Amino acid sequence: MTYLDTPAGRLPEILYLSIQKMQKAWEMLDNGIPYLHWDCDYCELQSDINCAEVDGLITPDLAWNLREKYLRMRKEDNSGPPRQNNKE
């Protein structure tokens, strides 16, 4: 497996390539350019991050840093079971 040293850390090449695609997708969307494959790029990167984390290729901390930076997720929004509305 090929690893690349990046500002985000040492990444498997496949993960690095997914990040590049996602960055291009965000750039287009942020500039108001329609991009119909955004959801595919998003899911591919999420999957690549998850696989790299589970396989021990990256640490859980690096995985969350990548999710926050490139998927615009927040760890605190994804911890624990969903809240239930107890109002009746």
PDB file of N, CA and C in Angstrom:
ATOM      1  N   MET A   1       0.844  -1.177   0.000  1.00  0.00           N
ATOM      2  CA  MET A   1       0.000   0.000   0.000  1.00  0.00           C
ATOM      3  C   MET A   1       0.888   1.240   0.000  1.00  0.00           C
ATOM      4  N   THR A   2       0.506   2.235  -0.783  1.00  0.00           N
ATOM      5  CA  THR A   2       1.250   3.478  -0.873  1.00  0.00           C
ATOM      6  C   THR A   2       0.657   4.506   0.084  1.00  0.00           C
ATOM      7  N   TYR A   3       1.518   5.137   0.866  1.00  0.00           N
ATOM      8  CA  TYR A   3       1.099   6.203   1.774  1.00  0.00           C
ATOM      9  C   TYR A   3       1.671   7.520   1.289  1.00  0.00           C
ATOM     10  N   LEU A   4       0.906   8.585   1.501  1.00  0.00           N
ATOM     11  CA  LEU A   4       1.357   9.916   1.115  1.00  0.00           C
ATOM     12  C   LEU A   4       1.395  10.797   2.355  1.00  0.00           C
ATOM     13  N   ASP A   5       2.446  11.585   2.493  1.00  0.00           N
ATOM     14  CA  ASP A   5       2.515  12.561   3.577  1.00  0.00           C
ATOM     15  C   ASP A   5       1.768  13.808   3.125  1.00  0.00           C
ATOM     16  N   THR A   6       0.752  14.166   3.869  1.00  0.00           N
ATOM     17  CA  THR A   6      -0.082  15.313   3.532  1.00  0.00           C
ATOM     18  C   THR A   6      -0.176  16.228   4.749  1.00  0.00           C
ATOM     19  N   PRO A   7      -0.683  17.446   4.581  1.00  0.00           N
ATOM     20  CA  PRO A   7      -0.893  18.304   5.750  1.00  0.00           C
ATOM     21  C   PRO A   7      -1.850  17.678   6.775  1.00  0.00           C
ATOM     22  N   ALA A   8      -2.735  16.793   6.321  1.00  0.00           N
ATOM     23  CA  ALA A   8      -3.677  16.137   7.225  1.00  0.00           C
ATOM     24  C   ALA A   8      -3.035  14.965   7.962  1.00  0.00           C
ATOM     25  N   GLY A   9      -1.873  14.519   7.514  1.00  0.00           N
ATOM     26  CA  GLY A   9      -1.207  13.362   8.123  1.00  0.00           C
ATOM     27  C   GLY A   9      -0.753  12.395   7.041  1.00  0.00           C
ATOM     28  N   ARG A  10      -0.314  11.237   7.458  1.00  0.00           N
ATOM     29  CA  ARG A  10       0.137  10.198   6.514  1.00  0.00           C
ATOM     30  C   ARG A  10      -1.081   9.387   6.103  1.00  0.00           C
ATOM     31  N   LEU A  11      -1.430   9.458   4.824  1.00  0.00           N
ATOM     32  CA  LEU A  11      -2.665   8.856   4.341  1.00  0.00           C
ATOM     33  C   LEU A  11      -2.415   7.801   3.275  1.00  0.00           C
ATOM     34  N   PRO A  12      -3.248   6.734   3.279  1.00  0.00           N
ATOM     35  CA  PRO A  12      -3.212   5.803   2.149  1.00  0.00           C
ATOM     36  C   PRO A  12      -3.586   6.552   0.866  1.00  0.00           C
ATOM     37  N   GLU A  13      -2.979   6.177  -0.224  1.00  0.00           N
ATOM     38  CA  GLU A  13      -3.199   6.887  -1.486  1.00  0.00           C
ATOM     39  C   GLU A  13      -4.678   6.927  -1.877  1.00  0.00           C
ATOM     40  N   ILE A  14      -5.402   5.837  -1.688  1.00  0.00           N
ATOM     41  CA  ILE A  14      -6.820   5.810  -2.076  1.00  0.00           C
ATOM     42  C   ILE A  14      -7.626   6.845  -1.298  1.00  0.00           C
ATOM     43  N   LEU A  15      -7.282   7.031  -0.036  1.00  0.00           N
ATOM     44  CA  LEU A  15      -7.964   8.025   0.785  1.00  0.00           C
ATOM     45  C   LEU A  15      -7.605   9.437   0.320  1.00  0.00           C
ATOM     46  N   TYR A  16      -6.368   9.631   0.004  1.00  0.00           N
ATOM     47  CA  TYR A  16      -5.917  10.923  -0.510  1.00  0.00           C
ATOM     48  C   TYR A  16      -6.656  11.289  -1.803  1.00  0.00           C
ATOM     49  N   LEU A  17      -6.822  10.328  -2.693  1.00  0.00           N
ATOM     50  CA  LEU A  17      -7.529  10.590  -3.952  1.00  0.00           C
ATOM     51  C   LEU A  17      -8.995  10.937  -3.712  1.00  0.00           C
ATOM     52  N   SER A  18      -9.628  10.275  -2.755  1.00  0.00           N
ATOM     53  CA  SER A  18     -11.020  10.581  -2.407  1.00  0.00           C
ATOM     54  C   SER A  18     -11.142  11.987  -1.838  1.00  0.00           C
ATOM     55  N   ILE A  19     -10.159  12.382  -1.037  1.00  0.00           N
ATOM     56  CA  ILE A  19     -10.160  13.733  -0.467  1.00  0.00           C
ATOM     57  C   ILE A  19     -10.057  14.771  -1.579  1.00  0.00           C
ATOM     58  N   GLN A  20      -9.191  14.524  -2.552  1.00  0.00           N
ATOM     59  CA  GLN A  20      -9.048  15.467  -3.663  1.00  0.00           C
ATOM     60  C   GLN A  20     -10.359  15.643  -4.422  1.00  0.00           C
ATOM     61  N   LYS A  21     -11.064  14.528  -4.667  1.00  0.00           N
ATOM     62  CA  LYS A  21     -12.352  14.616  -5.371  1.00  0.00           C
ATOM     63  C   LYS A  21     -13.363  15.412  -4.543  1.00  0.00           C
ATOM     64  N   MET A  22     -13.378  15.184  -3.237  1.00  0.00           N
ATOM     65  CA  MET A  22     -14.330  15.882  -2.384  1.00  0.00           C
ATOM     66  C   MET A  22     -14.013  17.371  -2.320  1.00  0.00           C
ATOM     67  N   GLN A  23     -12.743  17.716  -2.290  1.00  0.00           N
ATOM     68  CA  GLN A  23     -12.367  19.127  -2.286  1.00  0.00           C
ATOM     69  C   GLN A  23     -12.855  19.826  -3.555  1.00  0.00           C
ATOM     70  N   LYS A  24     -12.727  19.172  -4.694  1.00  0.00           N
ATOM     71  CA  LYS A  24     -13.207  19.751  -5.948  1.00  0.00           C
ATOM     72  C   LYS A  24     -14.725  19.898  -5.928  1.00  0.00           C
ATOM     73  N   ALA A  25     -15.404  18.910  -5.358  1.00  0.00           N
ATOM     74  CA  ALA A  25     -16.872  18.980  -5.268  1.00  0.00           C
ATOM     75  C   ALA A  25     -17.301  20.157  -4.403  1.00  0.00           C
ATOM     76  N   TRP A  26     -16.678  20.317  -3.221  1.00  0.00           N
ATOM     77  CA  TRP A  26     -17.028  21.444  -2.354  1.00  0.00           C
ATOM     78  C   TRP A  26     -16.737  22.775  -3.035  1.00  0.00           C
ATOM     79  N   GLU A  27     -15.625  22.847  -3.748  1.00  0.00           N
ATOM     80  CA  GLU A  27     -15.264  24.084  -4.434  1.00  0.00           C
ATOM     81  C   GLU A  27     -16.354  24.477  -5.435  1.00  0.00           C
ATOM     82  N   MET A  28     -16.826  23.513  -6.196  1.00  0.00           N
ATOM     83  CA  MET A  28     -17.890  23.806  -7.162  1.00  0.00           C
ATOM     84  C   MET A  28     -19.174  24.234  -6.444  1.00  0.00           C
ATOM     85  N   LEU A  29     -19.580  23.476  -5.438  1.00  0.00           N
ATOM     86  CA  LEU A  29     -20.816  23.797  -4.730  1.00  0.00           C
ATOM     87  C   LEU A  29     -20.732  25.135  -4.020  1.00  0.00           C
ATOM     88  N   ASP A  30     -19.598  25.405  -3.383  1.00  0.00           N
ATOM     89  CA  ASP A  30     -19.427  26.681  -2.676  1.00  0.00           C
ATOM     90  C   ASP A  30     -19.445  27.865  -3.633  1.00  0.00           C
ATOM     91  N   ASN A  31     -19.122  27.637  -4.900  1.00  0.00           N
ATOM     92  CA  ASN A  31     -19.138  28.698  -5.906  1.00  0.00           C
ATOM     93  C   ASN A  31     -20.429  28.716  -6.718  1.00  0.00           C
ATOM     94  N   GLY A  32     -21.414  27.936  -6.275  1.00  0.00           N
ATOM     95  CA  GLY A  32     -22.723  27.940  -6.935  1.00  0.00           C
ATOM     96  C   GLY A  32     -22.772  27.162  -8.232  1.00  0.00           C
ATOM     97  N   ILE A  33     -21.796  26.326  -8.475  1.00  0.00           N
ATOM     98  CA  ILE A  33     -21.759  25.527  -9.698  1.00  0.00           C
ATOM     99  C   ILE A  33     -22.452  24.194  -9.424  1.00  0.00           C
ATOM    100  N   PRO A  34     -23.497  23.867 -10.178  1.00  0.00           N
ATOM    101  CA  PRO A  34     -24.177  22.591  -9.951  1.00  0.00           C
ATOM    102  C   PRO A  34     -23.224  21.421 -10.182  1.00  0.00           C
ATOM    103  N   TYR A  35     -23.285  20.453  -9.262  1.00  0.00           N
ATOM    104  CA  TYR A  35     -22.445  19.271  -9.382  1.00  0.00           C
ATOM    105  C   TYR A  35     -23.268  18.080  -8.917  1.00  0.00           C
ATOM    106  N   LEU A  36     -23.688  17.257  -9.854  1.00  0.00           N
ATOM    107  CA  LEU A  36     -24.636  16.190  -9.561  1.00  0.00           C
ATOM    108  C   LEU A  36     -24.013  14.952  -8.918  1.00  0.00           C
ATOM    109  N   HIS A  37     -22.696  14.872  -8.856  1.00  0.00           N
ATOM    110  CA  HIS A  37     -22.045  13.693  -8.278  1.00  0.00           C
ATOM    111  C   HIS A  37     -21.525  13.944  -6.861  1.00  0.00           C
ATOM    112  N   TRP A  38     -21.948  15.062  -6.258  1.00  0.00           N
ATOM    113  CA  TRP A  38     -21.485  15.411  -4.924  1.00  0.00           C
ATOM    114  C   TRP A  38     -21.769  14.290  -3.933  1.00  0.00           C
ATOM    115  N   ASP A  39     -22.974  13.752  -3.969  1.00  0.00           N
ATOM    116  CA  ASP A  39     -23.343  12.719  -2.993  1.00  0.00           C
ATOM    117  C   ASP A  39     -22.495  11.460  -3.160  1.00  0.00           C
ATOM    118  N   CYS A  40     -22.136  11.135  -4.380  1.00  0.00           N
ATOM    119  CA  CYS A  40     -21.271   9.963  -4.613  1.00  0.00           C
ATOM    120  C   CYS A  40     -19.876  10.208  -4.047  1.00  0.00           C
ATOM    121  N   ASP A  41     -19.334  11.391  -4.277  1.00  0.00           N
ATOM    122  CA  ASP A  41     -18.005  11.720  -3.756  1.00  0.00           C
ATOM    123  C   ASP A  41     -18.014  11.733  -2.232  1.00  0.00           C
ATOM    124  N   TYR A  42     -19.083  12.260  -1.651  1.00  0.00           N
ATOM    125  CA  TYR A  42     -19.222  12.321  -0.195  1.00  0.00           C
ATOM    126  C   TYR A  42     -19.247  10.915   0.399  1.00  0.00           C
ATOM    127  N   CYS A  43     -20.075  10.054  -0.161  1.00  0.00           N
ATOM    128  CA  CYS A  43     -20.186   8.676   0.342  1.00  0.00           C
ATOM    129  C   CYS A  43     -18.889   7.901   0.143  1.00  0.00           C
ATOM    130  N   GLU A  44     -18.232   8.127  -0.987  1.00  0.00           N
ATOM    131  CA  GLU A  44     -16.962   7.436  -1.248  1.00  0.00           C
ATOM    132  C   GLU A  44     -15.908   7.830  -0.208  1.00  0.00           C
ATOM    133  N   LEU A  45     -15.823   9.126   0.083  1.00  0.00           N
ATOM    134  CA  LEU A  45     -14.838   9.569   1.064  1.00  0.00           C
ATOM    135  C   LEU A  45     -15.189   9.055   2.457  1.00  0.00           C
ATOM    136  N   GLN A  46     -16.455   9.111   2.824  1.00  0.00           N
ATOM    137  CA  GLN A  46     -16.870   8.596   4.132  1.00  0.00           C
ATOM    138  C   GLN A  46     -16.517   7.110   4.246  1.00  0.00           C
ATOM    139  N   SER A  47     -16.780   6.358   3.211  1.00  0.00           N
ATOM    140  CA  SER A  47     -16.460   4.938   3.197  1.00  0.00           C
ATOM    141  C   SER A  47     -14.955   4.699   3.290  1.00  0.00           C
ATOM    142  N   ASP A  48     -14.172   5.461   2.538  1.00  0.00           N
ATOM    143  CA  ASP A  48     -12.718   5.298   2.566  1.00  0.00           C
ATOM    144  C   ASP A  48     -12.142   5.644   3.943  1.00  0.00           C
ATOM    145  N   ILE A  49     -12.675   6.677   4.565  1.00  0.00           N
ATOM    146  CA  ILE A  49     -12.240   7.035   5.924  1.00  0.00           C
ATOM    147  C   ILE A  49     -12.584   5.903   6.884  1.00  0.00           C
ATOM    148  N   ASN A  50     -13.824   5.412   6.812  1.00  0.00           N
ATOM    149  CA  ASN A  50     -14.255   4.335   7.709  1.00  0.00           C
ATOM    150  C   ASN A  50     -13.395   3.086   7.533  1.00  0.00           C
ATOM    151  N   CYS A  51     -13.155   2.689   6.284  1.00  0.00           N
ATOM    152  CA  CYS A  51     -12.343   1.491   6.020  1.00  0.00           C
ATOM    153  C   CYS A  51     -10.918   1.666   6.522  1.00  0.00           C
ATOM    154  N   ALA A  52     -10.327   2.818   6.266  1.00  0.00           N
ATOM    155  CA  ALA A  52      -8.960   3.067   6.717  1.00  0.00           C
ATOM    156  C   ALA A  52      -8.873   3.045   8.238  1.00  0.00           C
ATOM    157  N   GLU A  53      -9.897   3.565   8.895  1.00  0.00           N
ATOM    158  CA  GLU A  53      -9.912   3.562  10.358  1.00  0.00           C
ATOM    159  C   GLU A  53     -10.062   2.141  10.902  1.00  0.00           C
ATOM    160  N   VAL A  54     -11.029   1.389  10.381  1.00  0.00           N
ATOM    161  CA  VAL A  54     -11.276   0.024  10.845  1.00  0.00           C
ATOM    162  C   VAL A  54     -10.080  -0.877  10.572  1.00  0.00           C
ATOM    163  N   ASP A  55      -9.427  -0.687   9.436  1.00  0.00           N
ATOM    164  CA  ASP A  55      -8.264  -1.503   9.081  1.00  0.00           C
ATOM    165  C   ASP A  55      -6.990  -1.068   9.809  1.00  0.00           C
ATOM    166  N   GLY A  56      -7.079  -0.013  10.610  1.00  0.00           N
ATOM    167  CA  GLY A  56      -5.924   0.448  11.374  1.00  0.00           C
ATOM    168  C   GLY A  56      -4.911   1.224  10.557  1.00  0.00           C
ATOM    169  N   LEU A  57      -5.316   1.699   9.382  1.00  0.00           N
ATOM    170  CA  LEU A  57      -4.398   2.463   8.533  1.00  0.00           C
ATOM    171  C   LEU A  57      -4.271   3.910   8.996  1.00  0.00           C
ATOM    172  N   ILE A  58      -5.309   4.406   9.669  1.00  0.00           N
ATOM    173  CA  ILE A  58      -5.284   5.733  10.269  1.00  0.00           C
ATOM    174  C   ILE A  58      -5.883   5.611  11.672  1.00  0.00           C
ATOM    175  N   THR A  59      -5.563   6.547  12.516  1.00  0.00           N
ATOM    176  CA  THR A  59      -6.071   6.529  13.887  1.00  0.00           C
ATOM    177  C   THR A  59      -7.499   7.058  13.918  1.00  0.00           C
ATOM    178  N   PRO A  60      -8.265   6.721  14.957  1.00  0.00           N
ATOM    179  CA  PRO A  60      -9.606   7.300  15.096  1.00  0.00           C
ATOM    180  C   PRO A  60      -9.575   8.830  15.160  1.00  0.00           C
ATOM    181  N   ASP A  61      -8.552   9.396  15.801  1.00  0.00           N
ATOM    182  CA  ASP A  61      -8.456  10.860  15.853  1.00  0.00           C
ATOM    183  C   ASP A  61      -8.257  11.456  14.466  1.00  0.00           C
ATOM    184  N   LEU A  62      -7.383  10.839  13.676  1.00  0.00           N
ATOM    185  CA  LEU A  62      -7.179  11.340  12.313  1.00  0.00           C
ATOM    186  C   LEU A  62      -8.447  11.152  11.492  1.00  0.00           C
ATOM    187  N   ALA A  63      -9.139  10.034  11.689  1.00  0.00           N
ATOM    188  CA  ALA A  63     -10.392   9.806  10.954  1.00  0.00           C
ATOM    189  C   ALA A  63     -11.379  10.932  11.230  1.00  0.00           C
ATOM    190  N   TRP A  64     -11.525  11.315  12.503  1.00  0.00           N
ATOM    191  CA  TRP A  64     -12.462  12.397  12.816  1.00  0.00           C
ATOM    192  C   TRP A  64     -11.971  13.744  12.309  1.00  0.00           C
ATOM    193  N   ASN A  65     -10.681  13.964  12.338  1.00  0.00           N
ATOM    194  CA  ASN A  65     -10.162  15.211  11.765  1.00  0.00           C
ATOM    195  C   ASN A  65     -10.487  15.299  10.277  1.00  0.00           C
ATOM    196  N   LEU A  66     -10.357  14.173   9.580  1.00  0.00           N
ATOM    197  CA  LEU A  66     -10.676  14.157   8.148  1.00  0.00           C
ATOM    198  C   LEU A  66     -12.165  14.365   7.909  1.00  0.00           C
ATOM    199  N   ARG A  67     -13.012  13.729   8.717  1.00  0.00           N
ATOM    200  CA  ARG A  67     -14.466  13.919   8.575  1.00  0.00           C
ATOM    201  C   ARG A  67     -14.849  15.373   8.797  1.00  0.00           C
ATOM    202  N   GLU A  68     -14.275  15.972   9.828  1.00  0.00           N
ATOM    203  CA  GLU A  68     -14.606  17.370  10.125  1.00  0.00           C
ATOM    204  C   GLU A  68     -14.122  18.303   9.018  1.00  0.00           C
ATOM    205  N   LYS A  69     -12.925  18.057   8.533  1.00  0.00           N
ATOM    206  CA  LYS A  69     -12.335  18.955   7.534  1.00  0.00           C
ATOM    207  C   LYS A  69     -12.937  18.783   6.145  1.00  0.00           C
ATOM    208  N   TYR A  70     -13.091  17.531   5.700  1.00  0.00           N
ATOM    209  CA  TYR A  70     -13.462  17.299   4.307  1.00  0.00           C
ATOM    210  C   TYR A  70     -14.923  16.921   4.099  1.00  0.00           C
ATOM    211  N   LEU A  71     -15.596  16.424   5.132  1.00  0.00           N
ATOM    212  CA  LEU A  71     -17.027  16.097   5.012  1.00  0.00           C
ATOM    213  C   LEU A  71     -17.893  17.116   5.735  1.00  0.00           C
ATOM    214  N   ARG A  72     -17.230  18.031   6.455  1.00  0.00           N
ATOM    215  CA  ARG A  72     -17.915  19.087   7.197  1.00  0.00           C
ATOM    216  C   ARG A  72     -18.857  18.517   8.252  1.00  0.00           C
ATOM    217  N   MET A  73     -18.426  17.424   8.833  1.00  0.00           N
ATOM    218  CA  MET A  73     -19.178  16.798   9.921  1.00  0.00           C
ATOM    219  C   MET A  73     -18.638  17.332  11.245  1.00  0.00           C
ATOM    220  N   ARG A  74     -19.445  17.160  12.297  1.00  0.00           N
ATOM    221  CA  ARG A  74     -18.992  17.508  13.642  1.00  0.00           C
ATOM    222  C   ARG A  74     -19.106  16.271  14.513  1.00  0.00           C
ATOM    223  N   LYS A  75     -18.034  15.943  15.194  1.00  0.00           N
ATOM    224  CA  LYS A  75     -18.014  14.747  16.023  1.00  0.00           C
ATOM    225  C   LYS A  75     -19.107  14.800  17.082  1.00  0.00           C
ATOM    226  N   GLU A  76     -19.295  15.945  17.684  1.00  0.00           N
ATOM    227  CA  GLU A  76     -20.300  16.062  18.741  1.00  0.00           C
ATOM    228  C   GLU A  76     -21.724  15.827  18.229  1.00  0.00           C
ATOM    229  N   ASP A  77     -21.948  15.994  16.942  1.00  0.00           N
ATOM    230  CA  ASP A  77     -23.268  15.712  16.360  1.00  0.00           C
ATOM    231  C   ASP A  77     -23.454  14.223  16.074  1.00  0.00           C
ATOM    232  N   ASN A  78     -22.384  13.448  16.165  1.00  0.00           N
ATOM    233  CA  ASN A  78     -22.424  12.033  15.792  1.00  0.00           C
ATOM    234  C   ASN A  78     -22.015  11.113  16.931  1.00  0.00           C
ATOM    235  N   SER A  79     -22.252  11.549  18.156  1.00  0.00           N
ATOM    236  CA  SER A  79     -21.873  10.707  19.286  1.00  0.00           C
ATOM    237  C   SER A  79     -23.118  10.301  20.054  1.00  0.00           C
ATOM    238  N   GLY A  80     -23.256   9.021  20.290  1.00  0.00           N
ATOM    239  CA  GLY A  80     -24.370   8.512  21.071  1.00  0.00           C
ATOM    240  C   GLY A  80     -25.626   8.327  20.253  1.00  0.00           C
ATOM    241  N   PRO A  81     -26.629   7.756  20.892  1.00  0.00           N
ATOM    242  CA  PRO A  81     -27.895   7.513  20.196  1.00  0.00           C
ATOM    243  C   PRO A  81     -28.628   8.825  19.939  1.00  0.00           C
ATOM    244  N   PRO A  82     -29.510   8.846  18.952  1.00  0.00           N
ATOM    245  CA  PRO A  82     -30.260  10.068  18.673  1.00  0.00           C
ATOM    246  C   PRO A  82     -31.122  10.450  19.865  1.00  0.00           C
ATOM    247  N   ARG A  83     -31.308  11.733  20.027  1.00  0.00           N
ATOM    248  CA  ARG A  83     -32.163  12.205  21.109  1.00  0.00           C
ATOM    249  C   ARG A  83     -33.610  11.895  20.793  1.00  0.00           C
ATOM    250  N   GLN A  84     -34.354  11.591  21.836  1.00  0.00           N
ATOM    251  CA  GLN A  84     -35.790  11.348  21.661  1.00  0.00           C
ATOM    252  C   GLN A  84     -36.557  12.556  22.178  1.00  0.00           C
ATOM    253  N   ASN A  85     -37.615  12.862  21.504  1.00  0.00           N
ATOM    254  CA  ASN A  85     -38.469  13.958  21.934  1.00  0.00           C
ATOM    255  C   ASN A  85     -39.454  13.410  22.962  1.00  0.00           C
ATOM    256  N   ASN A  86     -39.284  13.823  24.200  1.00  0.00           N
ATOM    257  CA  ASN A  86     -40.140  13.306  25.274  1.00  0.00           C
ATOM    258  C   ASN A  86     -41.339  14.192  25.555  1.00  0.00           C
ATOM    259  N   LYS A  87     -41.531  15.220  24.763  1.00  0.00           N
ATOM    260  CA  LYS A  87     -42.682  16.115  24.954  1.00  0.00           C
ATOM    261  C   LYS A  87     -43.942  15.431  24.467  1.00  0.00           C
ATOM    262  N   GLU A  88     -44.986  15.557  25.239  1.00  0.00           N
ATOM    263  CA  GLU A  88     -46.249  14.939  24.831  1.00  0.00           C
ATOM    264  C   GLU A  88     -47.312  15.975  24.706  1.00  0.00           C
TER     265      GLU A  88
END
